[in-house]
Amino acid sequence: MDKGESPILAILGGAKVSSKITIIESLLDKIDHLIIGGG
């Protein structure tokens, strides 16, 4: 979250978008790539 070497990637899976909205919003200021998987 604070000291990662770029490029920084988050891979988020799981069934529901509703449970991950706040995480995605927080991560968008930290990462370069986001892979979305699961339901």
Full PDB file with SEQRES, HELIX, SHEET, SSBOND, CRYST1, ORIGX, SCALE, CONECT and MASTER records, all heavy atoms in Angstrom:
SEQRES   1 A   39  MET ASP LYS GLY GLU SER PRO ILE LEU ALA ILE LEU GLY          
SEQRES   2 A   39  GLY ALA LYS VAL SER SER LYS ILE THR ILE ILE GLU SER          
SEQRES   3 A   39  LEU LEU ASP LYS ILE ASP HIS LEU ILE ILE GLY GLY GLY          
HELIX    1 AA1 ILE A   21  LEU A   27  1                                   7    
SHEET    1 AA1 2 LEU A   9  LEU A  12  0                                        
SHEET    2 AA1 2 HIS A  33  ILE A  36  1                                        
CRYST1    1.000    1.000    1.000  90.00  90.00  90.00 P 1           1          
ORIGX1      1.000000  0.000000  0.000000        0.00000                         
ORIGX2      0.000000  1.000000  0.000000        0.00000                         
ORIGX3      0.000000  0.000000  1.000000        0.00000                         
SCALE1      1.000000  0.000000  0.000000        0.00000                         
SCALE2      0.000000  1.000000  0.000000        0.00000                         
SCALE3      0.000000  0.000000  1.000000        0.00000                         
ATOM      1  N   MET A   1       0.798  -1.231   0.000  1.00  0.00           N  
ATOM      2  CA  MET A   1       0.000   0.000   0.000  1.00  0.00           C  
ATOM      3  C   MET A   1       0.829   1.278   0.000  1.00  0.00           C  
ATOM      4  O   MET A   1       0.382   2.314  -0.491  1.00  0.00           O  
ATOM      5  CB  MET A   1      -0.925  -0.002   1.222  1.00  0.00           C  
ATOM      6  CG  MET A   1      -1.922  -1.146   1.250  1.00  0.00           C  
ATOM      7  SD  MET A   1      -3.128  -1.082  -0.085  1.00  0.00           S  
ATOM      8  CE  MET A   1      -4.260   0.162   0.551  1.00  0.00           C  
ATOM      9  N   ASP A   2       2.022   1.229   0.567  1.00  0.00           N  
ATOM     10  CA  ASP A   2       2.801   2.467   0.718  1.00  0.00           C  
ATOM     11  C   ASP A   2       4.190   2.417   0.104  1.00  0.00           C  
ATOM     12  O   ASP A   2       4.734   3.445  -0.286  1.00  0.00           O  
ATOM     13  CB  ASP A   2       2.935   2.820   2.214  1.00  0.00           C  
ATOM     14  CG  ASP A   2       1.589   3.013   2.886  1.00  0.00           C  
ATOM     15  OD1 ASP A   2       0.711   3.642   2.268  1.00  0.00           O  
ATOM     16  OD2 ASP A   2       1.411   2.515   4.005  1.00  0.00           O  
ATOM     17  N   LYS A   3       4.779   1.236   0.044  1.00  0.00           N  
ATOM     18  CA  LYS A   3       6.185   1.157  -0.372  1.00  0.00           C  
ATOM     19  C   LYS A   3       6.404   0.193  -1.527  1.00  0.00           C  
ATOM     20  O   LYS A   3       7.518  -0.260  -1.757  1.00  0.00           O  
ATOM     21  CB  LYS A   3       7.049   0.736   0.824  1.00  0.00           C  
ATOM     22  CG  LYS A   3       6.957   1.701   2.013  1.00  0.00           C  
ATOM     23  CD  LYS A   3       7.668   1.137   3.232  1.00  0.00           C  
ATOM     24  CE  LYS A   3       7.498   2.082   4.416  1.00  0.00           C  
ATOM     25  NZ  LYS A   3       8.072   1.522   5.670  1.00  0.00           N  
ATOM     26  N   GLY A   4       5.333  -0.150  -2.235  1.00  0.00           N  
ATOM     27  CA  GLY A   4       5.441  -1.132  -3.308  1.00  0.00           C  
ATOM     28  C   GLY A   4       6.239  -0.626  -4.500  1.00  0.00           C  
ATOM     29  O   GLY A   4       6.131   0.532  -4.887  1.00  0.00           O  
ATOM     30  N   GLU A   5       7.033  -1.536  -5.076  1.00  0.00           N  
ATOM     31  CA  GLU A   5       7.787  -1.202  -6.293  1.00  0.00           C  
ATOM     32  C   GLU A   5       6.867  -1.354  -7.503  1.00  0.00           C  
ATOM     33  O   GLU A   5       6.165  -2.360  -7.640  1.00  0.00           O  
ATOM     34  CB  GLU A   5       8.995  -2.138  -6.419  1.00  0.00           C  
ATOM     35  CG  GLU A   5       9.876  -1.826  -7.610  1.00  0.00           C  
ATOM     36  CD  GLU A   5      11.051  -2.786  -7.760  1.00  0.00           C  
ATOM     37  OE1 GLU A   5      11.287  -3.600  -6.834  1.00  0.00           O  
ATOM     38  OE2 GLU A   5      11.708  -2.736  -8.813  1.00  0.00           O  
ATOM     39  N   SER A   6       6.837  -0.362  -8.355  1.00  0.00           N  
ATOM     40  CA  SER A   6       5.973  -0.399  -9.544  1.00  0.00           C  
ATOM     41  C   SER A   6       6.577  -1.297 -10.619  1.00  0.00           C  
ATOM     42  O   SER A   6       7.798  -1.474 -10.673  1.00  0.00           O  
ATOM     43  CB  SER A   6       5.791   1.015 -10.093  1.00  0.00           C  
ATOM     44  OG  SER A   6       5.023   1.792  -9.192  1.00  0.00           O  
ATOM     45  N   PRO A   7       5.736  -1.840 -11.492  1.00  0.00           N  
ATOM     46  CA  PRO A   7       4.270  -1.750 -11.498  1.00  0.00           C  
ATOM     47  C   PRO A   7       3.642  -2.570 -10.364  1.00  0.00           C  
ATOM     48  O   PRO A   7       4.104  -3.656 -10.059  1.00  0.00           O  
ATOM     49  CB  PRO A   7       3.881  -2.312 -12.871  1.00  0.00           C  
ATOM     50  CG  PRO A   7       5.144  -2.373 -13.684  1.00  0.00           C  
ATOM     51  CD  PRO A   7       6.238  -2.553 -12.692  1.00  0.00           C  
ATOM     52  N   ILE A   8       2.590  -2.011  -9.771  1.00  0.00           N  
ATOM     53  CA  ILE A   8       1.876  -2.669  -8.677  1.00  0.00           C  
ATOM     54  C   ILE A   8       0.548  -3.211  -9.204  1.00  0.00           C  
ATOM     55  O   ILE A   8      -0.203  -2.498  -9.857  1.00  0.00           O  
ATOM     56  CB  ILE A   8       1.616  -1.689  -7.516  1.00  0.00           C  
ATOM     57  CG1 ILE A   8       2.950  -1.112  -7.005  1.00  0.00           C  
ATOM     58  CG2 ILE A   8       0.871  -2.386  -6.377  1.00  0.00           C  
ATOM     59  CD1 ILE A   8       2.787  -0.013  -5.974  1.00  0.00           C  
ATOM     60  N   LEU A   9       0.290  -4.468  -8.904  1.00  0.00           N  
ATOM     61  CA  LEU A   9      -0.911  -5.154  -9.384  1.00  0.00           C  
ATOM     62  C   LEU A   9      -1.746  -5.656  -8.214  1.00  0.00           C  
ATOM     63  O   LEU A   9      -1.212  -6.229  -7.270  1.00  0.00           O  
ATOM     64  CB  LEU A   9      -0.501  -6.346 -10.258  1.00  0.00           C  
ATOM     65  CG  LEU A   9      -1.555  -7.429 -10.545  1.00  0.00           C  
ATOM     66  CD1 LEU A   9      -2.670  -6.891 -11.426  1.00  0.00           C  
ATOM     67  CD2 LEU A   9      -0.896  -8.653 -11.193  1.00  0.00           C  
ATOM     68  N   ALA A  10      -3.032  -5.461  -8.278  1.00  0.00           N  
ATOM     69  CA  ALA A  10      -3.974  -6.091  -7.348  1.00  0.00           C  
ATOM     70  C   ALA A  10      -4.841  -7.053  -8.144  1.00  0.00           C  
ATOM     71  O   ALA A  10      -5.339  -6.711  -9.224  1.00  0.00           O  
ATOM     72  CB  ALA A  10      -4.835  -5.054  -6.643  1.00  0.00           C  
ATOM     73  N   ILE A  11      -4.994  -8.257  -7.633  1.00  0.00           N  
ATOM     74  CA  ILE A  11      -5.891  -9.249  -8.231  1.00  0.00           C  
ATOM     75  C   ILE A  11      -7.012  -9.484  -7.237  1.00  0.00           C  
ATOM     76  O   ILE A  11      -6.781  -9.989  -6.132  1.00  0.00           O  
ATOM     77  CB  ILE A  11      -5.160 -10.580  -8.509  1.00  0.00           C  
ATOM     78  CG1 ILE A  11      -3.936 -10.351  -9.395  1.00  0.00           C  
ATOM     79  CG2 ILE A  11      -6.104 -11.590  -9.149  1.00  0.00           C  
ATOM     80  CD1 ILE A  11      -3.024 -11.566  -9.515  1.00  0.00           C  
ATOM     81  N   LEU A  12      -8.209  -9.085  -7.594  1.00  0.00           N  
ATOM     82  CA  LEU A  12      -9.353  -9.216  -6.694  1.00  0.00           C  
ATOM     83  C   LEU A  12     -10.382 -10.168  -7.283  1.00  0.00           C  
ATOM     84  O   LEU A  12     -10.867  -9.963  -8.399  1.00  0.00           O  
ATOM     85  CB  LEU A  12     -10.016  -7.852  -6.447  1.00  0.00           C  
ATOM     86  CG  LEU A  12      -9.184  -6.789  -5.705  1.00  0.00           C  
ATOM     87  CD1 LEU A  12     -10.029  -5.543  -5.471  1.00  0.00           C  
ATOM     88  CD2 LEU A  12      -8.657  -7.310  -4.373  1.00  0.00           C  
ATOM     89  N   GLY A  13     -10.675 -11.220  -6.528  1.00  0.00           N  
ATOM     90  CA  GLY A  13     -11.723 -12.147  -6.921  1.00  0.00           C  
ATOM     91  C   GLY A  13     -12.859 -12.075  -5.924  1.00  0.00           C  
ATOM     92  O   GLY A  13     -12.981 -11.116  -5.171  1.00  0.00           O  
ATOM     93  N   GLY A  14     -13.674 -13.108  -5.922  1.00  0.00           N  
ATOM     94  CA  GLY A  14     -14.805 -13.116  -4.993  1.00  0.00           C  
ATOM     95  C   GLY A  14     -16.117 -12.985  -5.727  1.00  0.00           C  
ATOM     96  O   GLY A  14     -16.164 -12.642  -6.909  1.00  0.00           O  
ATOM     97  N   ALA A  15     -17.189 -13.214  -4.991  1.00  0.00           N  
ATOM     98  CA  ALA A  15     -18.512 -13.298  -5.617  1.00  0.00           C  
ATOM     99  C   ALA A  15     -19.141 -11.949  -5.899  1.00  0.00           C  
ATOM    100  O   ALA A  15     -19.774 -11.759  -6.937  1.00  0.00           O  
ATOM    101  CB  ALA A  15     -19.446 -14.116  -4.725  1.00  0.00           C  
ATOM    102  N   LYS A  16     -18.950 -10.969  -4.991  1.00  0.00           N  
ATOM    103  CA  LYS A  16     -19.757  -9.760  -5.073  1.00  0.00           C  
ATOM    104  C   LYS A  16     -18.940  -8.475  -5.184  1.00  0.00           C  
ATOM    105  O   LYS A  16     -18.005  -8.262  -4.427  1.00  0.00           O  
ATOM    106  CB  LYS A  16     -20.672  -9.664  -3.850  1.00  0.00           C  
ATOM    107  CG  LYS A  16     -21.694 -10.797  -3.772  1.00  0.00           C  
ATOM    108  CD  LYS A  16     -22.574 -10.653  -2.537  1.00  0.00           C  
ATOM    109  CE  LYS A  16     -23.639 -11.739  -2.487  1.00  0.00           C  
ATOM    110  NZ  LYS A  16     -24.506 -11.596  -1.295  1.00  0.00           N  
ATOM    111  N   VAL A  17     -19.343  -7.626  -6.117  1.00  0.00           N  
ATOM    112  CA  VAL A  17     -18.754  -6.294  -6.241  1.00  0.00           C  
ATOM    113  C   VAL A  17     -19.044  -5.478  -4.985  1.00  0.00           C  
ATOM    114  O   VAL A  17     -18.194  -4.723  -4.501  1.00  0.00           O  
ATOM    115  CB  VAL A  17     -19.333  -5.559  -7.481  1.00  0.00           C  
ATOM    116  CG1 VAL A  17     -18.850  -4.107  -7.514  1.00  0.00           C  
ATOM    117  CG2 VAL A  17     -18.936  -6.276  -8.761  1.00  0.00           C  
ATOM    118  N   SER A  18     -20.241  -5.655  -4.431  1.00  0.00           N  
ATOM    119  CA  SER A  18     -20.674  -4.852  -3.287  1.00  0.00           C  
ATOM    120  C   SER A  18     -19.720  -4.967  -2.107  1.00  0.00           C  
ATOM    121  O   SER A  18     -19.540  -4.016  -1.350  1.00  0.00           O  
ATOM    122  CB  SER A  18     -22.080  -5.265  -2.850  1.00  0.00           C  
ATOM    123  OG  SER A  18     -22.140  -6.652  -2.581  1.00  0.00           O  
ATOM    124  N   SER A  19     -19.081  -6.132  -1.949  1.00  0.00           N  
ATOM    125  CA  SER A  19     -18.184  -6.341  -0.806  1.00  0.00           C  
ATOM    126  C   SER A  19     -16.778  -5.802  -1.070  1.00  0.00           C  
ATOM    127  O   SER A  19     -15.956  -5.756  -0.159  1.00  0.00           O  
ATOM    128  CB  SER A  19     -18.100  -7.828  -0.465  1.00  0.00           C  
ATOM    129  OG  SER A  19     -17.512  -8.553  -1.527  1.00  0.00           O  
ATOM    130  N   LYS A  20     -16.504  -5.407  -2.312  1.00  0.00           N  
ATOM    131  CA  LYS A  20     -15.135  -4.980  -2.647  1.00  0.00           C  
ATOM    132  C   LYS A  20     -15.036  -3.531  -3.125  1.00  0.00           C  
ATOM    133  O   LYS A  20     -13.939  -3.067  -3.448  1.00  0.00           O  
ATOM    134  CB  LYS A  20     -14.570  -5.906  -3.745  1.00  0.00           C  
ATOM    135  CG  LYS A  20     -14.417  -7.378  -3.344  1.00  0.00           C  
ATOM    136  CD  LYS A  20     -13.254  -7.602  -2.404  1.00  0.00           C  
ATOM    137  CE  LYS A  20     -13.187  -9.007  -1.849  1.00  0.00           C  
ATOM    138  NZ  LYS A  20     -12.649 -10.011  -2.753  1.00  0.00           N  
ATOM    139  N   ILE A  21     -16.167  -2.812  -3.174  1.00  0.00           N  
ATOM    140  CA  ILE A  21     -16.146  -1.440  -3.703  1.00  0.00           C  
ATOM    141  C   ILE A  21     -15.165  -0.556  -2.958  1.00  0.00           C  
ATOM    142  O   ILE A  21     -14.315   0.117  -3.562  1.00  0.00           O  
ATOM    143  CB  ILE A  21     -17.558  -0.810  -3.666  1.00  0.00           C  
ATOM    144  CG1 ILE A  21     -18.430  -1.431  -4.761  1.00  0.00           C  
ATOM    145  CG2 ILE A  21     -17.489   0.707  -3.896  1.00  0.00           C  
ATOM    146  CD1 ILE A  21     -19.868  -0.983  -4.725  1.00  0.00           C  
ATOM    147  N   THR A  22     -15.240  -0.545  -1.619  1.00  0.00           N  
ATOM    148  CA  THR A  22     -14.370   0.345  -0.851  1.00  0.00           C  
ATOM    149  C   THR A  22     -12.905  -0.050  -0.986  1.00  0.00           C  
ATOM    150  O   THR A  22     -12.023   0.809  -0.978  1.00  0.00           O  
ATOM    151  CB  THR A  22     -14.774   0.365   0.636  1.00  0.00           C  
ATOM    152  OG1 THR A  22     -14.870  -0.976   1.118  1.00  0.00           O  
ATOM    153  CG2 THR A  22     -16.109   1.062   0.831  1.00  0.00           C  
ATOM    154  N   ILE A  23     -12.646  -1.351  -1.129  1.00  0.00           N  
ATOM    155  CA  ILE A  23     -11.266  -1.812  -1.315  1.00  0.00           C  
ATOM    156  C   ILE A  23     -10.740  -1.327  -2.665  1.00  0.00           C  
ATOM    157  O   ILE A  23      -9.620  -0.800  -2.758  1.00  0.00           O  
ATOM    158  CB  ILE A  23     -11.188  -3.347  -1.234  1.00  0.00           C  
ATOM    159  CG1 ILE A  23     -11.577  -3.807   0.170  1.00  0.00           C  
ATOM    160  CG2 ILE A  23      -9.794  -3.840  -1.596  1.00  0.00           C  
ATOM    161  CD1 ILE A  23     -11.745  -5.291   0.303  1.00  0.00           C  
ATOM    162  N   ILE A  24     -11.543  -1.504  -3.717  1.00  0.00           N  
ATOM    163  CA  ILE A  24     -11.114  -1.061  -5.043  1.00  0.00           C  
ATOM    164  C   ILE A  24     -10.852   0.439  -5.046  1.00  0.00           C  
ATOM    165  O   ILE A  24      -9.820   0.903  -5.558  1.00  0.00           O  
ATOM    166  CB  ILE A  24     -12.168  -1.436  -6.116  1.00  0.00           C  
ATOM    167  CG1 ILE A  24     -12.271  -2.959  -6.255  1.00  0.00           C  
ATOM    168  CG2 ILE A  24     -11.800  -0.812  -7.464  1.00  0.00           C  
ATOM    169  CD1 ILE A  24     -13.394  -3.434  -7.166  1.00  0.00           C  
ATOM    170  N   GLU A  25     -11.755   1.198  -4.449  1.00  0.00           N  
ATOM    171  CA  GLU A  25     -11.588   2.662  -4.422  1.00  0.00           C  
ATOM    172  C   GLU A  25     -10.306   3.052  -3.705  1.00  0.00           C  
ATOM    173  O   GLU A  25      -9.590   3.957  -4.134  1.00  0.00           O  
ATOM    174  CB  GLU A  25     -12.799   3.324  -3.762  1.00  0.00           C  
ATOM    175  CG  GLU A  25     -14.040   3.291  -4.638  1.00  0.00           C  
ATOM    176  CD  GLU A  25     -15.246   3.953  -3.987  1.00  0.00           C  
ATOM    177  OE1 GLU A  25     -15.275   4.030  -2.733  1.00  0.00           O  
ATOM    178  OE2 GLU A  25     -16.160   4.386  -4.713  1.00  0.00           O  
ATOM    179  N   SER A  26     -10.006   2.367  -2.603  1.00  0.00           N  
ATOM    180  CA  SER A  26      -8.786   2.661  -1.855  1.00  0.00           C  
ATOM    181  C   SER A  26      -7.545   2.277  -2.656  1.00  0.00           C  
ATOM    182  O   SER A  26      -6.549   3.014  -2.679  1.00  0.00           O  
ATOM    183  CB  SER A  26      -8.801   1.904  -0.523  1.00  0.00           C  
ATOM    184  OG  SER A  26      -7.618   2.111   0.202  1.00  0.00           O  
ATOM    185  N   LEU A  27      -7.610   1.131  -3.342  1.00  0.00           N  
ATOM    186  CA  LEU A  27      -6.455   0.641  -4.092  1.00  0.00           C  
ATOM    187  C   LEU A  27      -6.138   1.482  -5.328  1.00  0.00           C  
ATOM    188  O   LEU A  27      -4.980   1.529  -5.763  1.00  0.00           O  
ATOM    189  CB  LEU A  27      -6.688  -0.815  -4.518  1.00  0.00           C  
ATOM    190  CG  LEU A  27      -6.600  -1.875  -3.414  1.00  0.00           C  
ATOM    191  CD1 LEU A  27      -7.023  -3.235  -3.957  1.00  0.00           C  
ATOM    192  CD2 LEU A  27      -5.182  -1.947  -2.861  1.00  0.00           C  
ATOM    193  N   LEU A  28      -7.144   2.138  -5.892  1.00  0.00           N  
ATOM    194  CA  LEU A  28      -6.924   2.888  -7.134  1.00  0.00           C  
ATOM    195  C   LEU A  28      -5.874   3.989  -6.986  1.00  0.00           C  
ATOM    196  O   LEU A  28      -5.274   4.417  -7.966  1.00  0.00           O  
ATOM    197  CB  LEU A  28      -8.236   3.483  -7.645  1.00  0.00           C  
ATOM    198  CG  LEU A  28      -9.245   2.476  -8.210  1.00  0.00           C  
ATOM    199  CD1 LEU A  28     -10.520   3.179  -8.668  1.00  0.00           C  
ATOM    200  CD2 LEU A  28      -8.647   1.657  -9.355  1.00  0.00           C  
ATOM    201  N   ASP A  29      -5.626   4.430  -5.752  1.00  0.00           N  
ATOM    202  CA  ASP A  29      -4.597   5.445  -5.516  1.00  0.00           C  
ATOM    203  C   ASP A  29      -3.215   4.831  -5.327  1.00  0.00           C  
ATOM    204  O   ASP A  29      -2.223   5.552  -5.211  1.00  0.00           O  
ATOM    205  CB  ASP A  29      -4.942   6.278  -4.270  1.00  0.00           C  
ATOM    206  CG  ASP A  29      -6.114   7.206  -4.511  1.00  0.00           C  
ATOM    207  OD1 ASP A  29      -6.227   7.753  -5.625  1.00  0.00           O  
ATOM    208  OD2 ASP A  29      -6.944   7.357  -3.590  1.00  0.00           O  
ATOM    209  N   LYS A  30      -3.145   3.480  -5.292  1.00  0.00           N  
ATOM    210  CA  LYS A  30      -1.884   2.818  -4.946  1.00  0.00           C  
ATOM    211  C   LYS A  30      -1.311   1.962  -6.078  1.00  0.00           C  
ATOM    212  O   LYS A  30      -0.123   1.678  -6.085  1.00  0.00           O  
ATOM    213  CB  LYS A  30      -2.098   1.897  -3.734  1.00  0.00           C  
ATOM    214  CG  LYS A  30      -2.865   2.515  -2.573  1.00  0.00           C  
ATOM    215  CD  LYS A  30      -2.023   3.448  -1.763  1.00  0.00           C  
ATOM    216  CE  LYS A  30      -2.779   3.963  -0.539  1.00  0.00           C  
ATOM    217  NZ  LYS A  30      -1.979   4.897   0.263  1.00  0.00           N  
ATOM    218  N   ILE A  31      -2.182   1.524  -7.004  1.00  0.00           N  
ATOM    219  CA  ILE A  31      -1.781   0.478  -7.943  1.00  0.00           C  
ATOM    220  C   ILE A  31      -1.718   0.979  -9.389  1.00  0.00           C  
ATOM    221  O   ILE A  31      -2.181   2.066  -9.714  1.00  0.00           O  
ATOM    222  CB  ILE A  31      -2.741  -0.725  -7.870  1.00  0.00           C  
ATOM    223  CG1 ILE A  31      -4.173  -0.299  -8.273  1.00  0.00           C  
ATOM    224  CG2 ILE A  31      -2.732  -1.334  -6.471  1.00  0.00           C  
ATOM    225  CD1 ILE A  31      -5.190  -1.438  -8.291  1.00  0.00           C  
ATOM    226  N   ASP A  32      -1.127   0.135 -10.245  1.00  0.00           N  
ATOM    227  CA  ASP A  32      -1.044   0.429 -11.684  1.00  0.00           C  
ATOM    228  C   ASP A  32      -2.007  -0.449 -12.476  1.00  0.00           C  
ATOM    229  O   ASP A  32      -2.514  -0.037 -13.523  1.00  0.00           O  
ATOM    230  CB  ASP A  32       0.394   0.191 -12.174  1.00  0.00           C  
ATOM    231  CG  ASP A  32       1.406   1.030 -11.418  1.00  0.00           C  
ATOM    232  OD1 ASP A  32       1.373   2.263 -11.564  1.00  0.00           O  
ATOM    233  OD2 ASP A  32       2.207   0.452 -10.650  1.00  0.00           O  
ATOM    234  N   HIS A  33      -2.227  -1.683 -11.973  1.00  0.00           N  
ATOM    235  CA  HIS A  33      -3.099  -2.637 -12.673  1.00  0.00           C  
ATOM    236  C   HIS A  33      -4.055  -3.294 -11.677  1.00  0.00           C  
ATOM    237  O   HIS A  33      -3.689  -3.529 -10.521  1.00  0.00           O  
ATOM    238  CB  HIS A  33      -2.282  -3.750 -13.344  1.00  0.00           C  
ATOM    239  CG  HIS A  33      -1.383  -3.284 -14.440  1.00  0.00           C  
ATOM    240  ND1 HIS A  33      -1.805  -3.169 -15.755  1.00  0.00           N  
ATOM    241  CD2 HIS A  33      -0.078  -2.893 -14.415  1.00  0.00           C  
ATOM    242  CE1 HIS A  33      -0.792  -2.737 -16.495  1.00  0.00           C  
ATOM    243  NE2 HIS A  33       0.265  -2.570 -15.708  1.00  0.00           N  
ATOM    244  N   LEU A  34      -5.252  -3.614 -12.148  1.00  0.00           N  
ATOM    245  CA  LEU A  34      -6.233  -4.348 -11.346  1.00  0.00           C  
ATOM    246  C   LEU A  34      -6.846  -5.442 -12.208  1.00  0.00           C  
ATOM    247  O   LEU A  34      -7.465  -5.152 -13.239  1.00  0.00           O  
ATOM    248  CB  LEU A  34      -7.326  -3.409 -10.828  1.00  0.00           C  
ATOM    249  CG  LEU A  34      -8.528  -4.060 -10.127  1.00  0.00           C  
ATOM    250  CD1 LEU A  34      -8.093  -4.831  -8.885  1.00  0.00           C  
ATOM    251  CD2 LEU A  34      -9.584  -3.019  -9.766  1.00  0.00           C  
ATOM    252  N   ILE A  35      -6.631  -6.686 -11.808  1.00  0.00           N  
ATOM    253  CA  ILE A  35      -7.289  -7.824 -12.456  1.00  0.00           C  
ATOM    254  C   ILE A  35      -8.511  -8.191 -11.621  1.00  0.00           C  
ATOM    255  O   ILE A  35      -8.408  -8.374 -10.407  1.00  0.00           O  
ATOM    256  CB  ILE A  35      -6.350  -9.040 -12.555  1.00  0.00           C  
ATOM    257  CG1 ILE A  35      -5.234  -8.763 -13.573  1.00  0.00           C  
ATOM    258  CG2 ILE A  35      -7.129 -10.297 -12.959  1.00  0.00           C  
ATOM    259  CD1 ILE A  35      -4.186  -9.875 -13.654  1.00  0.00           C  
ATOM    260  N   ILE A  36      -9.652  -8.275 -12.268  1.00  0.00           N  
ATOM    261  CA  ILE A  36     -10.892  -8.652 -11.575  1.00  0.00           C  
ATOM    262  C   ILE A  36     -11.284 -10.062 -12.007  1.00  0.00           C  
ATOM    263  O   ILE A  36     -11.331 -10.374 -13.205  1.00  0.00           O  
ATOM    264  CB  ILE A  36     -12.023  -7.651 -11.876  1.00  0.00           C  
ATOM    265  CG1 ILE A  36     -11.676  -6.289 -11.246  1.00  0.00           C  
ATOM    266  CG2 ILE A  36     -13.357  -8.156 -11.344  1.00  0.00           C  
ATOM    267  CD1 ILE A  36     -12.665  -5.196 -11.528  1.00  0.00           C  
ATOM    268  N   GLY A  37     -11.530 -10.908 -11.004  1.00  0.00           N  
ATOM    269  CA  GLY A  37     -11.916 -12.291 -11.286  1.00  0.00           C  
ATOM    270  C   GLY A  37     -13.096 -12.701 -10.428  1.00  0.00           C  
ATOM    271  O   GLY A  37     -13.650 -11.903  -9.676  1.00  0.00           O  
ATOM    272  N   GLY A  38     -13.479 -13.955 -10.549  1.00  0.00           N  
ATOM    273  CA  GLY A  38     -14.572 -14.473  -9.728  1.00  0.00           C  
ATOM    274  C   GLY A  38     -15.928 -13.954 -10.168  1.00  0.00           C  
ATOM    275  O   GLY A  38     -16.098 -13.367 -11.240  1.00  0.00           O  
ATOM    276  N   GLY A  39     -16.907 -14.122  -9.295  1.00  0.00           N  
ATOM    277  CA  GLY A  39     -18.285 -13.780  -9.637  1.00  0.00           C  
ATOM    278  C   GLY A  39     -18.524 -12.313  -9.898  1.00  0.00           C  
ATOM    279  O   GLY A  39     -19.460 -11.951 -10.628  1.00  0.00           O  
TER     280      GLY A  39                                                      
MASTER        0    0    0    1    2    0    0    6  279    1    0    3          
END                                                                             
